[in-house]
Amino acid sequence: MPKDIHPFSVVRRPIITEKSTELAGDGQYVFEVDPRANKMQIKEAVEIGFNVVVRRVNTMNVRGRRRRFGRHYGTEPGWKKAVVTLADGYEIKLFEGV
């Protein structure tokens, strides 16, 4: 059984890219979420936080990229991404007009 995570700490930040802006037109929104959260916890957090109805949640683990610092190498930490599809008639107004 997964550990209980408070719904307000599941969603960390929205991901704003060209692709995620295109998806927002179709009712799909992209968020960085807690890596321990499952799809049901993400759905509950988005519904409570934004007062919408979620139809589907797709998740993926993003691997950290390798970076160079002069002659030394380092690795960025990995993170979890969630694409949330809302029911018809609902939208999240995060960055309107940006």
PDB file of N, CA and C in Angstrom:
ATOM      1  N   MET A   1       0.847  -1.178   0.000  1.00  0.00           N
ATOM      2  CA  MET A   1       0.000   0.000   0.000  1.00  0.00           C
ATOM      3  C   MET A   1       0.891   1.240   0.000  1.00  0.00           C
ATOM      4  N   PRO A   2       0.641   2.204  -0.916  1.00  0.00           N
ATOM      5  CA  PRO A   2       1.490   3.388  -0.962  1.00  0.00           C
ATOM      6  C   PRO A   2       1.303   4.278   0.256  1.00  0.00           C
ATOM      7  N   LYS A   3       2.371   4.975   0.596  1.00  0.00           N
ATOM      8  CA  LYS A   3       2.335   5.866   1.738  1.00  0.00           C
ATOM      9  C   LYS A   3       1.432   7.061   1.428  1.00  0.00           C
ATOM     10  N   ASP A   4       0.667   7.512   2.430  1.00  0.00           N
ATOM     11  CA  ASP A   4      -0.205   8.654   2.232  1.00  0.00           C
ATOM     12  C   ASP A   4       0.617   9.926   2.109  1.00  0.00           C
ATOM     13  N   ILE A   5       0.327  10.698   1.054  1.00  0.00           N
ATOM     14  CA  ILE A   5       0.963  11.983   0.827  1.00  0.00           C
ATOM     15  C   ILE A   5      -0.144  13.024   0.842  1.00  0.00           C
ATOM     16  N   HIS A   6       0.093  14.147   1.502  1.00  0.00           N
ATOM     17  CA  HIS A   6      -0.921  15.196   1.554  1.00  0.00           C
ATOM     18  C   HIS A   6      -1.182  15.696   0.132  1.00  0.00           C
ATOM     19  N   PRO A   7      -2.450  15.884  -0.255  1.00  0.00           N
ATOM     20  CA  PRO A   7      -2.757  16.279  -1.637  1.00  0.00           C
ATOM     21  C   PRO A   7      -2.078  17.568  -2.091  1.00  0.00           C
ATOM     22  N   PHE A   8      -1.817  18.497  -1.179  1.00  0.00           N
ATOM     23  CA  PHE A   8      -1.184  19.747  -1.588  1.00  0.00           C
ATOM     24  C   PHE A   8       0.310  19.603  -1.841  1.00  0.00           C
ATOM     25  N   SER A   9       0.918  18.499  -1.433  1.00  0.00           N
ATOM     26  CA  SER A   9       2.340  18.305  -1.688  1.00  0.00           C
ATOM     27  C   SER A   9       2.602  17.316  -2.825  1.00  0.00           C
ATOM     28  N   VAL A  10       1.547  16.817  -3.460  1.00  0.00           N
ATOM     29  CA  VAL A  10       1.720  15.885  -4.579  1.00  0.00           C
ATOM     30  C   VAL A  10       2.156  16.646  -5.828  1.00  0.00           C
ATOM     31  N   VAL A  11       1.430  17.692  -6.203  1.00  0.00           N
ATOM     32  CA  VAL A  11       1.747  18.480  -7.394  1.00  0.00           C
ATOM     33  C   VAL A  11       2.787  19.521  -7.007  1.00  0.00           C
ATOM     34  N   ARG A  12       3.950  19.469  -7.653  1.00  0.00           N
ATOM     35  CA  ARG A  12       5.027  20.398  -7.298  1.00  0.00           C
ATOM     36  C   ARG A  12       4.984  21.678  -8.119  1.00  0.00           C
ATOM     37  N   ARG A  13       4.863  21.556  -9.454  1.00  0.00           N
ATOM     38  CA  ARG A  13       4.822  22.749 -10.298  1.00  0.00           C
ATOM     39  C   ARG A  13       4.290  22.371 -11.668  1.00  0.00           C
ATOM     40  N   PRO A  14       3.718  23.333 -12.385  1.00  0.00           N
ATOM     41  CA  PRO A  14       3.309  23.050 -13.766  1.00  0.00           C
ATOM     42  C   PRO A  14       4.525  23.102 -14.688  1.00  0.00           C
ATOM     43  N   ILE A  15       4.494  22.312 -15.736  1.00  0.00           N
ATOM     44  CA  ILE A  15       5.548  22.311 -16.737  1.00  0.00           C
ATOM     45  C   ILE A  15       5.056  23.158 -17.912  1.00  0.00           C
ATOM     46  N   ILE A  16       5.756  24.263 -18.179  1.00  0.00           N
ATOM     47  CA  ILE A  16       5.349  25.168 -19.248  1.00  0.00           C
ATOM     48  C   ILE A  16       6.375  25.079 -20.379  1.00  0.00           C
ATOM     49  N   THR A  17       5.996  24.389 -21.451  1.00  0.00           N
ATOM     50  CA  THR A  17       6.811  24.276 -22.649  1.00  0.00           C
ATOM     51  C   THR A  17       5.896  24.502 -23.848  1.00  0.00           C
ATOM     52  N   GLU A  18       6.466  24.496 -25.033  1.00  0.00           N
ATOM     53  CA  GLU A  18       5.639  24.658 -26.228  1.00  0.00           C
ATOM     54  C   GLU A  18       4.656  23.497 -26.366  1.00  0.00           C
ATOM     55  N   LYS A  19       5.140  22.300 -26.111  1.00  0.00           N
ATOM     56  CA  LYS A  19       4.268  21.135 -26.249  1.00  0.00           C
ATOM     57  C   LYS A  19       3.163  21.132 -25.203  1.00  0.00           C
ATOM     58  N   SER A  20       3.495  21.482 -23.955  1.00  0.00           N
ATOM     59  CA  SER A  20       2.464  21.485 -22.916  1.00  0.00           C
ATOM     60  C   SER A  20       1.439  22.586 -23.156  1.00  0.00           C
ATOM     61  N   THR A  21       1.856  23.699 -23.773  1.00  0.00           N
ATOM     62  CA  THR A  21       0.905  24.758 -24.117  1.00  0.00           C
ATOM     63  C   THR A  21      -0.053  24.294 -25.202  1.00  0.00           C
ATOM     64  N   GLU A  22       0.448  23.518 -26.164  1.00  0.00           N
ATOM     65  CA  GLU A  22      -0.430  22.945 -27.193  1.00  0.00           C
ATOM     66  C   GLU A  22      -1.410  21.951 -26.572  1.00  0.00           C
ATOM     67  N   LEU A  23      -0.924  21.128 -25.644  1.00  0.00           N
ATOM     68  CA  LEU A  23      -1.788  20.143 -25.000  1.00  0.00           C
ATOM     69  C   LEU A  23      -2.877  20.807 -24.175  1.00  0.00           C
ATOM     70  N   ALA A  24      -2.592  21.992 -23.614  1.00  0.00           N
ATOM     71  CA  ALA A  24      -3.590  22.690 -22.801  1.00  0.00           C
ATOM     72  C   ALA A  24      -4.811  23.050 -23.628  1.00  0.00           C
ATOM     73  N   GLY A  25      -4.638  23.268 -24.917  1.00  0.00           N
ATOM     74  CA  GLY A  25      -5.774  23.527 -25.792  1.00  0.00           C
ATOM     75  C   GLY A  25      -6.688  22.327 -25.920  1.00  0.00           C
ATOM     76  N   ASP A  26      -6.165  21.132 -25.714  1.00  0.00           N
ATOM     77  CA  ASP A  26      -6.953  19.899 -25.791  1.00  0.00           C
ATOM     78  C   ASP A  26      -7.441  19.437 -24.428  1.00  0.00           C
ATOM     79  N   GLY A  27      -7.213  20.238 -23.384  1.00  0.00           N
ATOM     80  CA  GLY A  27      -7.669  19.861 -22.046  1.00  0.00           C
ATOM     81  C   GLY A  27      -6.696  18.972 -21.297  1.00  0.00           C
ATOM     82  N   GLN A  28      -5.415  18.958 -21.724  1.00  0.00           N
ATOM     83  CA  GLN A  28      -4.397  18.162 -21.044  1.00  0.00           C
ATOM     84  C   GLN A  28      -3.366  19.109 -20.444  1.00  0.00           C
ATOM     85  N   TYR A  29      -3.011  18.882 -19.181  1.00  0.00           N
ATOM     86  CA  TYR A  29      -2.080  19.746 -18.469  1.00  0.00           C
ATOM     87  C   TYR A  29      -0.949  18.903 -17.906  1.00  0.00           C
ATOM     88  N   VAL A  30       0.271  19.462 -17.903  1.00  0.00           N
ATOM     89  CA  VAL A  30       1.461  18.724 -17.517  1.00  0.00           C
ATOM     90  C   VAL A  30       1.996  19.305 -16.206  1.00  0.00           C
ATOM     91  N   PHE A  31       2.292  18.416 -15.247  1.00  0.00           N
ATOM     92  CA  PHE A  31       2.788  18.819 -13.939  1.00  0.00           C
ATOM     93  C   PHE A  31       3.987  17.973 -13.548  1.00  0.00           C
ATOM     94  N   GLU A  32       4.884  18.570 -12.760  1.00  0.00           N
ATOM     95  CA  GLU A  32       5.898  17.791 -12.063  1.00  0.00           C
ATOM     96  C   GLU A  32       5.268  17.364 -10.747  1.00  0.00           C
ATOM     97  N   VAL A  33       5.361  16.082 -10.425  1.00  0.00           N
ATOM     98  CA  VAL A  33       4.713  15.555  -9.230  1.00  0.00           C
ATOM     99  C   VAL A  33       5.729  14.828  -8.354  1.00  0.00           C
ATOM    100  N   ASP A  34       5.308  14.515  -7.141  1.00  0.00           N
ATOM    101  CA  ASP A  34       6.139  13.771  -6.200  1.00  0.00           C
ATOM    102  C   ASP A  34       6.391  12.375  -6.771  1.00  0.00           C
ATOM    103  N   PRO A  35       7.644  11.919  -6.796  1.00  0.00           N
ATOM    104  CA  PRO A  35       7.936  10.602  -7.381  1.00  0.00           C
ATOM    105  C   PRO A  35       7.251   9.436  -6.669  1.00  0.00           C
ATOM    106  N   ARG A  36       6.846   9.615  -5.420  1.00  0.00           N
ATOM    107  CA  ARG A  36       6.180   8.532  -4.690  1.00  0.00           C
ATOM    108  C   ARG A  36       4.686   8.467  -4.969  1.00  0.00           C
ATOM    109  N   ALA A  37       4.117   9.476  -5.621  1.00  0.00           N
ATOM    110  CA  ALA A  37       2.672   9.548  -5.829  1.00  0.00           C
ATOM    111  C   ALA A  37       2.233   8.612  -6.951  1.00  0.00           C
ATOM    112  N   ASN A  38       1.075   7.989  -6.757  1.00  0.00           N
ATOM    113  CA  ASN A  38       0.510   7.163  -7.811  1.00  0.00           C
ATOM    114  C   ASN A  38      -0.585   7.946  -8.540  1.00  0.00           C
ATOM    115  N   LYS A  39      -1.198   7.315  -9.559  1.00  0.00           N
ATOM    116  CA  LYS A  39      -2.165   8.028 -10.394  1.00  0.00           C
ATOM    117  C   LYS A  39      -3.400   8.468  -9.609  1.00  0.00           C
ATOM    118  N   MET A  40      -3.849   7.665  -8.688  1.00  0.00           N
ATOM    119  CA  MET A  40      -5.035   8.039  -7.912  1.00  0.00           C
ATOM    120  C   MET A  40      -4.748   9.236  -7.021  1.00  0.00           C
ATOM    121  N   GLN A  41      -3.555   9.294  -6.428  1.00  0.00           N
ATOM    122  CA  GLN A  41      -3.191  10.428  -5.583  1.00  0.00           C
ATOM    123  C   GLN A  41      -3.037  11.703  -6.412  1.00  0.00           C
ATOM    124  N   ILE A  42      -2.495  11.585  -7.627  1.00  0.00           N
ATOM    125  CA  ILE A  42      -2.353  12.742  -8.503  1.00  0.00           C
ATOM    126  C   ILE A  42      -3.730  13.248  -8.924  1.00  0.00           C
ATOM    127  N   LYS A  43      -4.628  12.332  -9.264  1.00  0.00           N
ATOM    128  CA  LYS A  43      -5.985  12.726  -9.660  1.00  0.00           C
ATOM    129  C   LYS A  43      -6.679  13.466  -8.524  1.00  0.00           C
ATOM    130  N   GLU A  44      -6.588  12.936  -7.315  1.00  0.00           N
ATOM    131  CA  GLU A  44      -7.224  13.569  -6.161  1.00  0.00           C
ATOM    132  C   GLU A  44      -6.636  14.956  -5.897  1.00  0.00           C
ATOM    133  N   ALA A  45      -5.313  15.084  -6.011  1.00  0.00           N
ATOM    134  CA  ALA A  45      -4.653  16.362  -5.741  1.00  0.00           C
ATOM    135  C   ALA A  45      -5.063  17.430  -6.744  1.00  0.00           C
ATOM    136  N   VAL A  46      -5.149  17.075  -8.029  1.00  0.00           N
ATOM    137  CA  VAL A  46      -5.543  18.049  -9.049  1.00  0.00           C
ATOM    138  C   VAL A  46      -7.005  18.432  -8.880  1.00  0.00           C
ATOM    139  N   GLU A  47      -7.862  17.469  -8.571  1.00  0.00           N
ATOM    140  CA  GLU A  47      -9.282  17.778  -8.386  1.00  0.00           C
ATOM    141  C   GLU A  47      -9.497  18.692  -7.188  1.00  0.00           C
ATOM    142  N   ILE A  48      -8.782  18.457  -6.096  1.00  0.00           N
ATOM    143  CA  ILE A  48      -8.926  19.305  -4.910  1.00  0.00           C
ATOM    144  C   ILE A  48      -8.283  20.671  -5.137  1.00  0.00           C
ATOM    145  N   GLY A  49      -7.093  20.694  -5.713  1.00  0.00           N
ATOM    146  CA  GLY A  49      -6.344  21.934  -5.846  1.00  0.00           C
ATOM    147  C   GLY A  49      -6.915  22.907  -6.865  1.00  0.00           C
ATOM    148  N   PHE A  50      -7.480  22.386  -7.961  1.00  0.00           N
ATOM    149  CA  PHE A  50      -7.942  23.261  -9.033  1.00  0.00           C
ATOM    150  C   PHE A  50      -9.460  23.216  -9.232  1.00  0.00           C
ATOM    151  N   ASN A  51     -10.177  22.415  -8.451  1.00  0.00           N
ATOM    152  CA  ASN A  51     -11.637  22.322  -8.516  1.00  0.00           C
ATOM    153  C   ASN A  51     -12.113  21.950  -9.920  1.00  0.00           C
ATOM    154  N   VAL A  52     -11.577  20.860 -10.446  1.00  0.00           N
ATOM    155  CA  VAL A  52     -11.924  20.348 -11.770  1.00  0.00           C
ATOM    156  C   VAL A  52     -12.222  18.854 -11.655  1.00  0.00           C
ATOM    157  N   VAL A  53     -12.689  18.260 -12.754  1.00  0.00           N
ATOM    158  CA  VAL A  53     -12.926  16.819 -12.818  1.00  0.00           C
ATOM    159  C   VAL A  53     -11.883  16.214 -13.750  1.00  0.00           C
ATOM    160  N   VAL A  54     -11.106  15.261 -13.243  1.00  0.00           N
ATOM    161  CA  VAL A  54     -10.031  14.630 -14.012  1.00  0.00           C
ATOM    162  C   VAL A  54     -10.570  13.349 -14.633  1.00  0.00           C
ATOM    163  N   ARG A  55     -10.327  13.202 -15.938  1.00  0.00           N
ATOM    164  CA  ARG A  55     -10.773  12.003 -16.636  1.00  0.00           C
ATOM    165  C   ARG A  55      -9.673  10.944 -16.696  1.00  0.00           C
ATOM    166  N   ARG A  56      -8.397  11.381 -16.895  1.00  0.00           N
ATOM    167  CA  ARG A  56      -7.316  10.404 -17.049  1.00  0.00           C
ATOM    168  C   ARG A  56      -6.004  11.021 -16.592  1.00  0.00           C
ATOM    169  N   VAL A  57      -5.102  10.172 -16.078  1.00  0.00           N
ATOM    170  CA  VAL A  57      -3.768  10.606 -15.659  1.00  0.00           C
ATOM    171  C   VAL A  57      -2.745   9.659 -16.274  1.00  0.00           C
ATOM    172  N   ASN A  58      -1.780  10.230 -16.986  1.00  0.00           N
ATOM    173  CA  ASN A  58      -0.657   9.463 -17.523  1.00  0.00           C
ATOM    174  C   ASN A  58       0.599   9.944 -16.815  1.00  0.00           C
ATOM    175  N   THR A  59       1.448   9.007 -16.375  1.00  0.00           N
ATOM    176  CA  THR A  59       2.660   9.381 -15.656  1.00  0.00           C
ATOM    177  C   THR A  59       3.883   8.805 -16.353  1.00  0.00           C
ATOM    178  N   MET A  60       5.025   9.456 -16.129  1.00  0.00           N
ATOM    179  CA  MET A  60       6.294   8.955 -16.639  1.00  0.00           C
ATOM    180  C   MET A  60       7.414   9.431 -15.741  1.00  0.00           C
ATOM    181  N   ASN A  61       8.429   8.605 -15.602  1.00  0.00           N
ATOM    182  CA  ASN A  61       9.620   8.978 -14.844  1.00  0.00           C
ATOM    183  C   ASN A  61      10.644   9.531 -15.820  1.00  0.00           C
ATOM    184  N   VAL A  62      11.098  10.757 -15.578  1.00  0.00           N
ATOM    185  CA  VAL A  62      12.065  11.415 -16.435  1.00  0.00           C
ATOM    186  C   VAL A  62      13.442  11.214 -15.815  1.00  0.00           C
ATOM    187  N   ARG A  63      14.334  10.659 -16.586  1.00  0.00           N
ATOM    188  CA  ARG A  63      15.685  10.385 -16.102  1.00  0.00           C
ATOM    189  C   ARG A  63      16.495  11.672 -16.087  1.00  0.00           C
ATOM    190  N   GLY A  64      17.339  11.837 -15.072  1.00  0.00           N
ATOM    191  CA  GLY A  64      18.190  13.017 -14.976  1.00  0.00           C
ATOM    192  C   GLY A  64      19.255  13.029 -16.058  1.00  0.00           C
ATOM    193  N   ARG A  65      19.536  14.223 -16.571  1.00  0.00           N
ATOM    194  CA  ARG A  65      20.535  14.340 -17.632  1.00  0.00           C
ATOM    195  C   ARG A  65      21.930  14.467 -17.043  1.00  0.00           C
ATOM    196  N   ARG A  66      22.913  14.060 -17.819  1.00  0.00           N
ATOM    197  CA  ARG A  66      24.307  14.153 -17.404  1.00  0.00           C
ATOM    198  C   ARG A  66      24.845  15.514 -17.832  1.00  0.00           C
ATOM    199  N   ARG A  67      25.509  16.205 -16.927  1.00  0.00           N
ATOM    200  CA  ARG A  67      26.034  17.545 -17.194  1.00  0.00           C
ATOM    201  C   ARG A  67      27.530  17.577 -16.948  1.00  0.00           C
ATOM    202  N   ARG A  68      28.202  18.487 -17.659  1.00  0.00           N
ATOM    203  CA  ARG A  68      29.644  18.670 -17.460  1.00  0.00           C
ATOM    204  C   ARG A  68      29.885  19.951 -16.699  1.00  0.00           C
ATOM    205  N   PHE A  69      30.782  19.890 -15.758  1.00  0.00           N
ATOM    206  CA  PHE A  69      31.249  21.046 -15.013  1.00  0.00           C
ATOM    207  C   PHE A  69      32.759  21.102 -15.196  1.00  0.00           C
ATOM    208  N   GLY A  70      33.195  21.715 -16.301  1.00  0.00           N
ATOM    209  CA  GLY A  70      34.615  21.674 -16.633  1.00  0.00           C
ATOM    210  C   GLY A  70      34.985  20.267 -17.044  1.00  0.00           C
ATOM    211  N   ARG A  71      35.926  19.679 -16.353  1.00  0.00           N
ATOM    212  CA  ARG A  71      36.307  18.307 -16.693  1.00  0.00           C
ATOM    213  C   ARG A  71      35.581  17.272 -15.836  1.00  0.00           C
ATOM    214  N   HIS A  72      34.726  17.716 -14.939  1.00  0.00           N
ATOM    215  CA  HIS A  72      33.980  16.817 -14.071  1.00  0.00           C
ATOM    216  C   HIS A  72      32.555  16.633 -14.593  1.00  0.00           C
ATOM    217  N   TYR A  73      32.005  15.479 -14.319  1.00  0.00           N
ATOM    218  CA  TYR A  73      30.643  15.176 -14.730  1.00  0.00           C
ATOM    219  C   TYR A  73      29.739  15.111 -13.509  1.00  0.00           C
ATOM    220  N   GLY A  74      28.499  15.502 -13.712  1.00  0.00           N
ATOM    221  CA  GLY A  74      27.488  15.383 -12.673  1.00  0.00           C
ATOM    222  C   GLY A  74      26.180  14.958 -13.313  1.00  0.00           C
ATOM    223  N   THR A  75      25.239  14.550 -12.506  1.00  0.00           N
ATOM    224  CA  THR A  75      23.942  14.116 -13.012  1.00  0.00           C
ATOM    225  C   THR A  75      22.835  14.882 -12.312  1.00  0.00           C
ATOM    226  N   GLU A  76      21.909  15.416 -13.096  1.00  0.00           N
ATOM    227  CA  GLU A  76      20.737  16.066 -12.524  1.00  0.00           C
ATOM    228  C   GLU A  76      19.843  14.985 -11.919  1.00  0.00           C
ATOM    229  N   PRO A  77      19.085  15.323 -10.905  1.00  0.00           N
ATOM    230  CA  PRO A  77      18.188  14.320 -10.342  1.00  0.00           C
ATOM    231  C   PRO A  77      17.013  14.035 -11.275  1.00  0.00           C
ATOM    232  N   GLY A  78      16.532  12.798 -11.244  1.00  0.00           N
ATOM    233  CA  GLY A  78      15.357  12.433 -12.017  1.00  0.00           C
ATOM    234  C   GLY A  78      14.101  12.965 -11.349  1.00  0.00           C
ATOM    235  N   TRP A  79      12.984  13.003 -12.085  1.00  0.00           N
ATOM    236  CA  TRP A  79      11.725  13.498 -11.551  1.00  0.00           C
ATOM    237  C   TRP A  79      10.571  12.797 -12.253  1.00  0.00           C
ATOM    238  N   LYS A  80       9.375  12.985 -11.736  1.00  0.00           N
ATOM    239  CA  LYS A  80       8.189  12.330 -12.273  1.00  0.00           C
ATOM    240  C   LYS A  80       7.273  13.370 -12.895  1.00  0.00           C
ATOM    241  N   LYS A  81       6.763  13.056 -14.086  1.00  0.00           N
ATOM    242  CA  LYS A  81       5.898  13.957 -14.826  1.00  0.00           C
ATOM    243  C   LYS A  81       4.525  13.313 -14.977  1.00  0.00           C
ATOM    244  N   ALA A  82       3.479  14.130 -14.874  1.00  0.00           N
ATOM    245  CA  ALA A  82       2.113  13.638 -15.037  1.00  0.00           C
ATOM    246  C   ALA A  82       1.388  14.490 -16.057  1.00  0.00           C
ATOM    247  N   VAL A  83       0.726  13.833 -17.014  1.00  0.00           N
ATOM    248  CA  VAL A  83      -0.134  14.510 -17.979  1.00  0.00           C
ATOM    249  C   VAL A  83      -1.563  14.216 -17.555  1.00  0.00           C
ATOM    250  N   VAL A  84      -2.290  15.268 -17.164  1.00  0.00           N
ATOM    251  CA  VAL A  84      -3.636  15.130 -16.620  1.00  0.00           C
ATOM    252  C   VAL A  84      -4.632  15.579 -17.668  1.00  0.00           C
ATOM    253  N   THR A  85      -5.574  14.693 -18.024  1.00  0.00           N
ATOM    254  CA  THR A  85      -6.629  15.019 -18.969  1.00  0.00           C
ATOM    255  C   THR A  85      -7.893  15.332 -18.188  1.00  0.00           C
ATOM    256  N   LEU A  86      -8.480  16.496 -18.473  1.00  0.00           N
ATOM    257  CA  LEU A  86      -9.685  16.923 -17.769  1.00  0.00           C
ATOM    258  C   LEU A  86     -10.928  16.523 -18.545  1.00  0.00           C
ATOM    259  N   ALA A  87     -12.041  16.436 -17.835  1.00  0.00           N
ATOM    260  CA  ALA A  87     -13.327  16.152 -18.465  1.00  0.00           C
ATOM    261  C   ALA A  87     -13.740  17.346 -19.312  1.00  0.00           C
ATOM    262  N   ASP A  88     -14.647  17.126 -20.259  1.00  0.00           N
ATOM    263  CA  ASP A  88     -15.099  18.199 -21.140  1.00  0.00           C
ATOM    264  C   ASP A  88     -15.748  19.319 -20.337  1.00  0.00           C
ATOM    265  N   GLY A  89     -15.421  20.550 -20.721  1.00  0.00           N
ATOM    266  CA  GLY A  89     -15.998  21.714 -20.059  1.00  0.00           C
ATOM    267  C   GLY A  89     -15.168  22.258 -18.913  1.00  0.00           C
ATOM    268  N   TYR A  90     -14.075  21.609 -18.552  1.00  0.00           N
ATOM    269  CA  TYR A  90     -13.221  22.076 -17.455  1.00  0.00           C
ATOM    270  C   TYR A  90     -11.885  22.553 -18.013  1.00  0.00           C
ATOM    271  N   GLU A  91     -11.299  23.554 -17.360  1.00  0.00           N
ATOM    272  CA  GLU A  91      -9.972  24.030 -17.735  1.00  0.00           C
ATOM    273  C   GLU A  91      -9.288  24.601 -16.507  1.00  0.00           C
ATOM    274  N   ILE A  92      -7.960  24.657 -16.565  1.00  0.00           N
ATOM    275  CA  ILE A  92      -7.156  25.221 -15.494  1.00  0.00           C
ATOM    276  C   ILE A  92      -6.537  26.504 -16.040  1.00  0.00           C
ATOM    277  N   LYS A  93      -6.803  27.599 -15.381  1.00  0.00           N
ATOM    278  CA  LYS A  93      -6.279  28.888 -15.841  1.00  0.00           C
ATOM    279  C   LYS A  93      -4.984  29.189 -15.091  1.00  0.00           C
ATOM    280  N   LEU A  94      -3.878  28.702 -15.616  1.00  0.00           N
ATOM    281  CA  LEU A  94      -2.581  28.924 -14.985  1.00  0.00           C
ATOM    282  C   LEU A  94      -1.910  30.168 -15.546  1.00  0.00           C
ATOM    283  N   PHE A  95      -1.650  30.166 -16.836  1.00  0.00           N
ATOM    284  CA  PHE A  95      -0.918  31.239 -17.465  1.00  0.00           C
ATOM    285  C   PHE A  95      -1.660  31.689 -18.727  1.00  0.00           C
ATOM    286  N   GLU A  96      -2.820  32.261 -18.536  1.00  0.00           N
ATOM    287  CA  GLU A  96      -3.598  32.748 -19.667  1.00  0.00           C
ATOM    288  C   GLU A  96      -2.933  33.981 -20.252  1.00  0.00           C
ATOM    289  N   GLY A  97      -2.760  33.993 -21.567  1.00  0.00           N
ATOM    290  CA  GLY A  97      -2.198  35.145 -22.243  1.00  0.00           C
ATOM    291  C   GLY A  97      -0.678  35.207 -22.227  1.00  0.00           C
ATOM    292  N   VAL A  98      -0.008  34.168 -21.753  1.00  0.00           N
ATOM    293  CA  VAL A  98       1.456  34.184 -21.721  1.00  0.00           C
ATOM    294  C   VAL A  98       1.966  33.517 -22.971  1.00  0.00           C
TER     295      VAL A  98
END
